[in-house]
């Protein structure tokens, strides 16, 4: 039995872990009173967001990931108005 992960599995696994970390950063940042620590965590989060986007682009380019269909500007405006009301 082959226990090796494929490239697609590895990329998707790393994307999932990075996305989970990004979600956790939001909670930590919102609960951090020390401004220096808060700033440091924000910098780490920003770096992870850049990494996640680069990996996402690679996954999409290689056909490992299919993003949701594009929406038109009217749909975006509808969502914006629902969220802001």
PDB file of N, CA and C in Angstrom:
ATOM      1  N   UNK A   1       0.838  -1.180   0.000  1.00  0.00           N
ATOM      2  CA  UNK A   1       0.000   0.000   0.000  1.00  0.00           C
ATOM      3  C   UNK A   1       0.880   1.239   0.000  1.00  0.00           C
ATOM      4  N   UNK A   2       0.519   2.205  -0.830  1.00  0.00           N
ATOM      5  CA  UNK A   2       1.289   3.440  -0.953  1.00  0.00           C
ATOM      6  C   UNK A   2       0.763   4.461   0.047  1.00  0.00           C
ATOM      7  N   UNK A   3       1.607   4.865   0.990  1.00  0.00           N
ATOM      8  CA  UNK A   3       1.218   5.824   2.015  1.00  0.00           C
ATOM      9  C   UNK A   3       1.664   7.243   1.688  1.00  0.00           C
ATOM     10  N   UNK A   4       2.108   7.474   0.475  1.00  0.00           N
ATOM     11  CA  UNK A   4       2.588   8.792   0.091  1.00  0.00           C
ATOM     12  C   UNK A   4       1.419   9.654  -0.373  1.00  0.00           C
ATOM     13  N   UNK A   5       1.455  10.907   0.039  1.00  0.00           N
ATOM     14  CA  UNK A   5       0.431  11.848  -0.395  1.00  0.00           C
ATOM     15  C   UNK A   5       0.779  12.368  -1.793  1.00  0.00           C
ATOM     16  N   UNK A   6      -0.225  12.608  -2.598  1.00  0.00           N
ATOM     17  CA  UNK A   6       0.006  13.214  -3.904  1.00  0.00           C
ATOM     18  C   UNK A   6       0.267  14.709  -3.712  1.00  0.00           C
ATOM     19  N   UNK A   7       0.792  15.342  -4.757  1.00  0.00           N
ATOM     20  CA  UNK A   7       1.008  16.790  -4.698  1.00  0.00           C
ATOM     21  C   UNK A   7      -0.302  17.508  -4.394  1.00  0.00           C
ATOM     22  N   UNK A   8      -1.362  17.073  -5.045  1.00  0.00           N
ATOM     23  CA  UNK A   8      -2.671  17.699  -4.836  1.00  0.00           C
ATOM     24  C   UNK A   8      -3.109  17.570  -3.383  1.00  0.00           C
ATOM     25  N   UNK A   9      -2.942  16.399  -2.794  1.00  0.00           N
ATOM     26  CA  UNK A   9      -3.322  16.187  -1.390  1.00  0.00           C
ATOM     27  C   UNK A   9      -2.496  17.062  -0.457  1.00  0.00           C
ATOM     28  N   UNK A  10      -1.197  17.157  -0.737  1.00  0.00           N
ATOM     29  CA  UNK A  10      -0.331  17.979   0.117  1.00  0.00           C
ATOM     30  C   UNK A  10      -0.719  19.456   0.033  1.00  0.00           C
ATOM     31  N   UNK A  11      -0.938  19.947  -1.174  1.00  0.00           N
ATOM     32  CA  UNK A  11      -1.297  21.354  -1.346  1.00  0.00           C
ATOM     33  C   UNK A  11      -2.630  21.638  -0.668  1.00  0.00           C
ATOM     34  N   UNK A  12      -3.616  20.780  -0.891  1.00  0.00           N
ATOM     35  CA  UNK A  12      -4.924  20.989  -0.275  1.00  0.00           C
ATOM     36  C   UNK A  12      -4.856  20.885   1.247  1.00  0.00           C
ATOM     37  N   UNK A  13      -4.023  20.011   1.769  1.00  0.00           N
ATOM     38  CA  UNK A  13      -3.851  19.882   3.215  1.00  0.00           C
ATOM     39  C   UNK A  13      -3.232  21.150   3.802  1.00  0.00           C
ATOM     40  N   UNK A  14      -2.205  21.655   3.152  1.00  0.00           N
ATOM     41  CA  UNK A  14      -1.553  22.883   3.621  1.00  0.00           C
ATOM     42  C   UNK A  14      -2.521  24.065   3.525  1.00  0.00           C
ATOM     43  N   UNK A  15      -3.291  24.136   2.444  1.00  0.00           N
ATOM     44  CA  UNK A  15      -4.288  25.206   2.317  1.00  0.00           C
ATOM     45  C   UNK A  15      -5.305  25.135   3.450  1.00  0.00           C
ATOM     46  N   UNK A  16      -5.775  23.937   3.755  1.00  0.00           N
ATOM     47  CA  UNK A  16      -6.761  23.780   4.832  1.00  0.00           C
ATOM     48  C   UNK A  16      -6.172  24.190   6.178  1.00  0.00           C
ATOM     49  N   UNK A  17      -4.940  23.792   6.451  1.00  0.00           N
ATOM     50  CA  UNK A  17      -4.301  24.160   7.716  1.00  0.00           C
ATOM     51  C   UNK A  17      -4.070  25.666   7.795  1.00  0.00           C
ATOM     52  N   UNK A  18      -3.637  26.263   6.700  1.00  0.00           N
ATOM     53  CA  UNK A  18      -3.393  27.704   6.683  1.00  0.00           C
ATOM     54  C   UNK A  18      -4.700  28.468   6.871  1.00  0.00           C
ATOM     55  N   UNK A  19      -5.754  28.030   6.203  1.00  0.00           N
ATOM     56  CA  UNK A  19      -7.058  28.685   6.366  1.00  0.00           C
ATOM     57  C   UNK A  19      -7.543  28.599   7.808  1.00  0.00           C
ATOM     58  N   UNK A  20      -7.349  27.449   8.450  1.00  0.00           N
ATOM     59  CA  UNK A  20      -7.739  27.303   9.854  1.00  0.00           C
ATOM     60  C   UNK A  20      -6.926  28.237  10.739  1.00  0.00           C
ATOM     61  N   UNK A  21      -5.644  28.369  10.462  1.00  0.00           N
ATOM     62  CA  UNK A  21      -4.792  29.277  11.234  1.00  0.00           C
ATOM     63  C   UNK A  21      -5.233  30.720  11.068  1.00  0.00           C
ATOM     64  N   UNK A  22      -5.586  31.098   9.849  1.00  0.00           N
ATOM     65  CA  UNK A  22      -6.029  32.474   9.606  1.00  0.00           C
ATOM     66  C   UNK A  22      -7.289  32.786  10.409  1.00  0.00           C
ATOM     67  N   UNK A  23      -8.171  31.834  10.523  1.00  0.00           N
ATOM     68  CA  UNK A  23      -9.383  32.018  11.319  1.00  0.00           C
ATOM     69  C   UNK A  23      -9.036  32.207  12.789  1.00  0.00           C
ATOM     70  N   UNK A  24      -8.093  31.428  13.279  1.00  0.00           N
ATOM     71  CA  UNK A  24      -7.678  31.522  14.685  1.00  0.00           C
ATOM     72  C   UNK A  24      -7.012  32.865  14.983  1.00  0.00           C
ATOM     73  N   UNK A  25      -6.227  33.381  14.035  1.00  0.00           N
ATOM     74  CA  UNK A  25      -5.564  34.670  14.251  1.00  0.00           C
ATOM     75  C   UNK A  25      -6.568  35.761  14.569  1.00  0.00           C
ATOM     76  N   UNK A  26      -7.699  35.769  13.878  1.00  0.00           N
ATOM     77  CA  UNK A  26      -8.712  36.808  14.106  1.00  0.00           C
ATOM     78  C   UNK A  26      -9.154  36.818  15.564  1.00  0.00           C
ATOM     79  N   UNK A  27      -9.390  35.650  16.130  1.00  0.00           N
ATOM     80  CA  UNK A  27      -9.800  35.568  17.528  1.00  0.00           C
ATOM     81  C   UNK A  27      -8.707  36.018  18.476  1.00  0.00           C
ATOM     82  N   UNK A  28      -7.495  35.601  18.209  1.00  0.00           N
ATOM     83  CA  UNK A  28      -6.372  35.973  19.073  1.00  0.00           C
ATOM     84  C   UNK A  28      -6.140  37.481  19.024  1.00  0.00           C
ATOM     85  N   UNK A  29      -6.160  38.041  17.821  1.00  0.00           N
ATOM     86  CA  UNK A  29      -5.929  39.482  17.671  1.00  0.00           C
ATOM     87  C   UNK A  29      -6.995  40.277  18.414  1.00  0.00           C
ATOM     88  N   UNK A  30      -8.240  39.855  18.287  1.00  0.00           N
ATOM     89  CA  UNK A  30      -9.320  40.618  18.926  1.00  0.00           C
ATOM     90  C   UNK A  30      -9.283  40.533  20.450  1.00  0.00           C
ATOM     91  N   UNK A  31      -8.574  39.563  20.995  1.00  0.00           N
ATOM     92  CA  UNK A  31      -8.504  39.389  22.442  1.00  0.00           C
ATOM     93  C   UNK A  31      -7.159  39.802  23.036  1.00  0.00           C
ATOM     94  N   UNK A  32      -6.292  40.396  22.226  1.00  0.00           N
ATOM     95  CA  UNK A  32      -4.961  40.778  22.692  1.00  0.00           C
ATOM     96  C   UNK A  32      -4.929  42.263  23.038  1.00  0.00           C
ATOM     97  N   UNK A  33      -4.656  42.555  24.297  1.00  0.00           N
ATOM     98  CA  UNK A  33      -4.624  43.943  24.764  1.00  0.00           C
ATOM     99  C   UNK A  33      -3.259  44.595  24.546  1.00  0.00           C
ATOM    100  N   UNK A  34      -2.190  43.819  24.595  1.00  0.00           N
ATOM    101  CA  UNK A  34      -0.844  44.352  24.424  1.00  0.00           C
ATOM    102  C   UNK A  34      -0.632  44.735  22.962  1.00  0.00           C
ATOM    103  N   UNK A  35      -0.432  46.024  22.710  1.00  0.00           N
ATOM    104  CA  UNK A  35      -0.350  46.521  21.331  1.00  0.00           C
ATOM    105  C   UNK A  35       0.823  45.926  20.567  1.00  0.00           C
ATOM    106  N   UNK A  36       1.961  45.736  21.219  1.00  0.00           N
ATOM    107  CA  UNK A  36       3.131  45.172  20.539  1.00  0.00           C
ATOM    108  C   UNK A  36       2.863  43.726  20.130  1.00  0.00           C
ATOM    109  N   UNK A  37       2.265  42.948  21.022  1.00  0.00           N
ATOM    110  CA  UNK A  37       1.933  41.557  20.700  1.00  0.00           C
ATOM    111  C   UNK A  37       0.870  41.518  19.607  1.00  0.00           C
ATOM    112  N   UNK A  38      -0.115  42.378  19.721  1.00  0.00           N
ATOM    113  CA  UNK A  38      -1.196  42.441  18.727  1.00  0.00           C
ATOM    114  C   UNK A  38      -0.609  42.734  17.340  1.00  0.00           C
ATOM    115  N   UNK A  39       0.290  43.692  17.264  1.00  0.00           N
ATOM    116  CA  UNK A  39       0.917  44.057  16.002  1.00  0.00           C
ATOM    117  C   UNK A  39       1.732  42.897  15.430  1.00  0.00           C
ATOM    118  N   UNK A  40       2.444  42.193  16.300  1.00  0.00           N
ATOM    119  CA  UNK A  40       3.239  41.042  15.861  1.00  0.00           C
ATOM    120  C   UNK A  40       2.348  39.953  15.283  1.00  0.00           C
ATOM    121  N   UNK A  41       1.258  39.657  15.948  1.00  0.00           N
ATOM    122  CA  UNK A  41       0.335  38.624  15.464  1.00  0.00           C
ATOM    123  C   UNK A  41      -0.296  39.059  14.143  1.00  0.00           C
ATOM    124  N   UNK A  42      -0.609  40.339  14.021  1.00  0.00           N
ATOM    125  CA  UNK A  42      -1.161  40.846  12.759  1.00  0.00           C
ATOM    126  C   UNK A  42      -0.161  40.683  11.612  1.00  0.00           C
ATOM    127  N   UNK A  43       1.115  40.929  11.892  1.00  0.00           N
ATOM    128  CA  UNK A  43       2.149  40.754  10.875  1.00  0.00           C
ATOM    129  C   UNK A  43       2.267  39.294  10.462  1.00  0.00           C
ATOM    130  N   UNK A  44       2.205  38.401  11.435  1.00  0.00           N
ATOM    131  CA  UNK A  44       2.259  36.964  11.133  1.00  0.00           C
ATOM    132  C   UNK A  44       1.054  36.570  10.290  1.00  0.00           C
ATOM    133  N   UNK A  45      -0.128  37.059  10.685  1.00  0.00           N
ATOM    134  CA  UNK A  45      -1.346  36.768   9.926  1.00  0.00           C
ATOM    135  C   UNK A  45      -1.229  37.266   8.491  1.00  0.00           C
ATOM    136  N   UNK A  46      -0.744  38.496   8.328  1.00  0.00           N
ATOM    137  CA  UNK A  46      -0.595  39.068   6.985  1.00  0.00           C
ATOM    138  C   UNK A  46       0.344  38.229   6.128  1.00  0.00           C
ATOM    139  N   UNK A  47       1.425  37.775   6.723  1.00  0.00           N
ATOM    140  CA  UNK A  47       2.378  36.930   6.010  1.00  0.00           C
ATOM    141  C   UNK A  47       1.727  35.604   5.611  1.00  0.00           C
ATOM    142  N   UNK A  48       0.972  35.019   6.522  1.00  0.00           N
ATOM    143  CA  UNK A  48       0.272  33.764   6.224  1.00  0.00           C
ATOM    144  C   UNK A  48      -0.787  33.952   5.143  1.00  0.00           C
ATOM    145  N   UNK A  49      -1.446  35.112   5.136  1.00  0.00           N
ATOM    146  CA  UNK A  49      -2.437  35.392   4.090  1.00  0.00           C
ATOM    147  C   UNK A  49      -1.760  35.469   2.719  1.00  0.00           C
ATOM    148  N   UNK A  50      -0.596  36.082   2.665  1.00  0.00           N
ATOM    149  CA  UNK A  50       0.146  36.157   1.402  1.00  0.00           C
ATOM    150  C   UNK A  50       0.561  34.759   0.949  1.00  0.00           C
ATOM    151  N   UNK A  51       1.068  33.951   1.889  1.00  0.00           N
ATOM    152  CA  UNK A  51       1.462  32.572   1.576  1.00  0.00           C
ATOM    153  C   UNK A  51       0.263  31.780   1.077  1.00  0.00           C
ATOM    154  N   UNK A  52      -0.874  31.918   1.780  1.00  0.00           N
ATOM    155  CA  UNK A  52      -2.079  31.180   1.407  1.00  0.00           C
ATOM    156  C   UNK A  52      -2.508  31.543  -0.005  1.00  0.00           C
ATOM    157  N   UNK A  53      -2.463  32.815  -0.337  1.00  0.00           N
ATOM    158  CA  UNK A  53      -2.897  33.243  -1.664  1.00  0.00           C
ATOM    159  C   UNK A  53      -1.955  32.725  -2.741  1.00  0.00           C
ATOM    160  N   UNK A  54      -0.653  32.734  -2.476  1.00  0.00           N
ATOM    161  CA  UNK A  54       0.311  32.211  -3.441  1.00  0.00           C
ATOM    162  C   UNK A  54       0.099  30.719  -3.654  1.00  0.00           C
ATOM    163  N   UNK A  55      -0.150  29.991  -2.569  1.00  0.00           N
ATOM    164  CA  UNK A  55      -0.390  28.556  -2.683  1.00  0.00           C
ATOM    165  C   UNK A  55      -1.714  28.295  -3.394  1.00  0.00           C
ATOM    166  N   UNK A  56      -2.730  29.106  -3.100  1.00  0.00           N
ATOM    167  CA  UNK A  56      -4.003  28.987  -3.792  1.00  0.00           C
ATOM    168  C   UNK A  56      -3.814  29.172  -5.295  1.00  0.00           C
ATOM    169  N   UNK A  57      -3.036  30.190  -5.685  1.00  0.00           N
ATOM    170  CA  UNK A  57      -2.789  30.434  -7.110  1.00  0.00           C
ATOM    171  C   UNK A  57      -2.098  29.237  -7.758  1.00  0.00           C
ATOM    172  N   UNK A  58      -1.124  28.654  -7.066  1.00  0.00           N
ATOM    173  CA  UNK A  58      -0.436  27.475  -7.574  1.00  0.00           C
ATOM    174  C   UNK A  58      -1.410  26.312  -7.733  1.00  0.00           C
ATOM    175  N   UNK A  59      -2.239  26.091  -6.713  1.00  0.00           N
ATOM    176  CA  UNK A  59      -3.208  24.994  -6.762  1.00  0.00           C
ATOM    177  C   UNK A  59      -4.187  25.184  -7.912  1.00  0.00           C
ATOM    178  N   UNK A  60      -4.635  26.402  -8.096  1.00  0.00           N
ATOM    179  CA  UNK A  60      -5.576  26.695  -9.184  1.00  0.00           C
ATOM    180  C   UNK A  60      -4.901  26.482 -10.542  1.00  0.00           C
ATOM    181  N   UNK A  61      -3.663  26.940 -10.661  1.00  0.00           N
ATOM    182  CA  UNK A  61      -2.904  26.811 -11.906  1.00  0.00           C
ATOM    183  C   UNK A  61      -2.694  25.342 -12.284  1.00  0.00           C
ATOM    184  N   UNK A  62      -2.444  24.506 -11.294  1.00  0.00           N
ATOM    185  CA  UNK A  62      -2.193  23.092 -11.540  1.00  0.00           C
ATOM    186  C   UNK A  62      -3.483  22.274 -11.635  1.00  0.00           C
ATOM    187  N   UNK A  63      -4.621  22.925 -11.445  1.00  0.00           N
ATOM    188  CA  UNK A  63      -5.893  22.216 -11.523  1.00  0.00           C
ATOM    189  C   UNK A  63      -6.236  21.446 -10.259  1.00  0.00           C
ATOM    190  N   UNK A  64      -5.546  21.750  -9.153  1.00  0.00           N
ATOM    191  CA  UNK A  64      -5.803  21.079  -7.885  1.00  0.00           C
ATOM    192  C   UNK A  64      -7.025  21.654  -7.181  1.00  0.00           C
ATOM    193  N   UNK A  65      -7.394  22.849  -7.566  1.00  0.00           N
ATOM    194  CA  UNK A  65      -8.458  23.556  -6.859  1.00  0.00           C
ATOM    195  C   UNK A  65      -9.317  24.295  -7.873  1.00  0.00           C
ATOM    196  N   UNK A  66     -10.594  24.132  -7.763  1.00  0.00           N
ATOM    197  CA  UNK A  66     -11.529  24.846  -8.638  1.00  0.00           C
ATOM    198  C   UNK A  66     -12.321  25.827  -7.788  1.00  0.00           C
ATOM    199  N   UNK A  67     -12.087  27.128  -7.968  1.00  0.00           N
ATOM    200  CA  UNK A  67     -12.817  28.120  -7.172  1.00  0.00           C
ATOM    201  C   UNK A  67     -14.291  28.158  -7.570  1.00  0.00           C
ATOM    202  N   UNK A  68     -15.079  28.757  -6.728  1.00  0.00           N
ATOM    203  CA  UNK A  68     -16.500  28.937  -7.022  1.00  0.00           C
ATOM    204  C   UNK A  68     -16.645  29.795  -8.277  1.00  0.00           C
ATOM    205  N   UNK A  69     -17.762  29.649  -8.934  1.00  0.00           N
ATOM    206  CA  UNK A  69     -18.028  30.427 -10.137  1.00  0.00           C
ATOM    207  C   UNK A  69     -18.038  31.923  -9.812  1.00  0.00           C
ATOM    208  N   UNK A  70     -17.616  32.725 -10.767  1.00  0.00           N
ATOM    209  CA  UNK A  70     -17.610  34.178 -10.600  1.00  0.00           C
ATOM    210  C   UNK A  70     -19.047  34.681 -10.490  1.00  0.00           C
ATOM    211  N   UNK A  71     -19.234  35.697  -9.683  1.00  0.00           N
ATOM    212  CA  UNK A  71     -20.551  36.306  -9.557  1.00  0.00           C
ATOM    213  C   UNK A  71     -20.526  37.673 -10.240  1.00  0.00           C
ATOM    214  N   UNK A  72     -21.687  38.131 -10.639  1.00  0.00           N
ATOM    215  CA  UNK A  72     -21.724  39.436 -11.288  1.00  0.00           C
ATOM    216  C   UNK A  72     -21.836  40.545 -10.243  1.00  0.00           C
ATOM    217  N   UNK A  73     -21.601  41.770 -10.685  1.00  0.00           N
ATOM    218  CA  UNK A  73     -21.568  42.905  -9.765  1.00  0.00           C
ATOM    219  C   UNK A  73     -22.912  43.139  -9.083  1.00  0.00           C
ATOM    220  N   UNK A  74     -24.010  42.793  -9.741  1.00  0.00           N
ATOM    221  CA  UNK A  74     -25.331  42.956  -9.123  1.00  0.00           C
ATOM    222  C   UNK A  74     -25.471  42.049  -7.904  1.00  0.00           C
ATOM    223  N   UNK A  75     -24.984  40.815  -8.021  1.00  0.00           N
ATOM    224  CA  UNK A  75     -25.026  39.895  -6.872  1.00  0.00           C
ATOM    225  C   UNK A  75     -24.186  40.433  -5.715  1.00  0.00           C
ATOM    226  N   UNK A  76     -23.048  41.003  -6.025  1.00  0.00           N
ATOM    227  CA  UNK A  76     -22.177  41.572  -4.993  1.00  0.00           C
ATOM    228  C   UNK A  76     -22.890  42.723  -4.295  1.00  0.00           C
ATOM    229  N   UNK A  77     -23.514  43.585  -5.063  1.00  0.00           N
ATOM    230  CA  UNK A  77     -24.244  44.716  -4.477  1.00  0.00           C
ATOM    231  C   UNK A  77     -25.398  44.248  -3.600  1.00  0.00           C
ATOM    232  N   UNK A  78     -26.073  43.184  -4.028  1.00  0.00           N
ATOM    233  CA  UNK A  78     -27.176  42.630  -3.235  1.00  0.00           C
ATOM    234  C   UNK A  78     -26.675  42.154  -1.878  1.00  0.00           C
ATOM    235  N   UNK A  79     -25.570  41.426  -1.891  1.00  0.00           N
ATOM    236  CA  UNK A  79     -25.001  40.931  -0.629  1.00  0.00           C
ATOM    237  C   UNK A  79     -24.551  42.087   0.246  1.00  0.00           C
ATOM    238  N   UNK A  80     -23.888  43.080  -0.345  1.00  0.00           N
ATOM    239  CA  UNK A  80     -23.436  44.249   0.423  1.00  0.00           C
ATOM    240  C   UNK A  80     -24.613  44.950   1.094  1.00  0.00           C
ATOM    241  N   UNK A  81     -25.695  45.120   0.355  1.00  0.00           N
ATOM    242  CA  UNK A  81     -26.845  45.824   0.939  1.00  0.00           C
ATOM    243  C   UNK A  81     -27.501  44.997   2.045  1.00  0.00           C
ATOM    244  N   UNK A  82     -27.500  43.682   1.902  1.00  0.00           N
ATOM    245  CA  UNK A  82     -28.082  42.814   2.940  1.00  0.00           C
ATOM    246  C   UNK A  82     -27.234  42.826   4.203  1.00  0.00           C
ATOM    247  N   UNK A  83     -25.927  42.866   4.028  1.00  0.00           N
ATOM    248  CA  UNK A  83     -25.022  42.843   5.180  1.00  0.00           C
ATOM    249  C   UNK A  83     -25.024  44.189   5.905  1.00  0.00           C
ATOM    250  N   UNK A  84     -25.122  45.264   5.169  1.00  0.00           N
ATOM    251  CA  UNK A  84     -25.035  46.581   5.794  1.00  0.00           C
ATOM    252  C   UNK A  84     -26.366  47.093   6.342  1.00  0.00           C
ATOM    253  N   UNK A  85     -27.444  46.371   6.102  1.00  0.00           N
ATOM    254  CA  UNK A  85     -28.741  46.843   6.615  1.00  0.00           C
ATOM    255  C   UNK A  85     -29.084  46.268   7.961  1.00  0.00           C
TER     256      UNK A  85
END
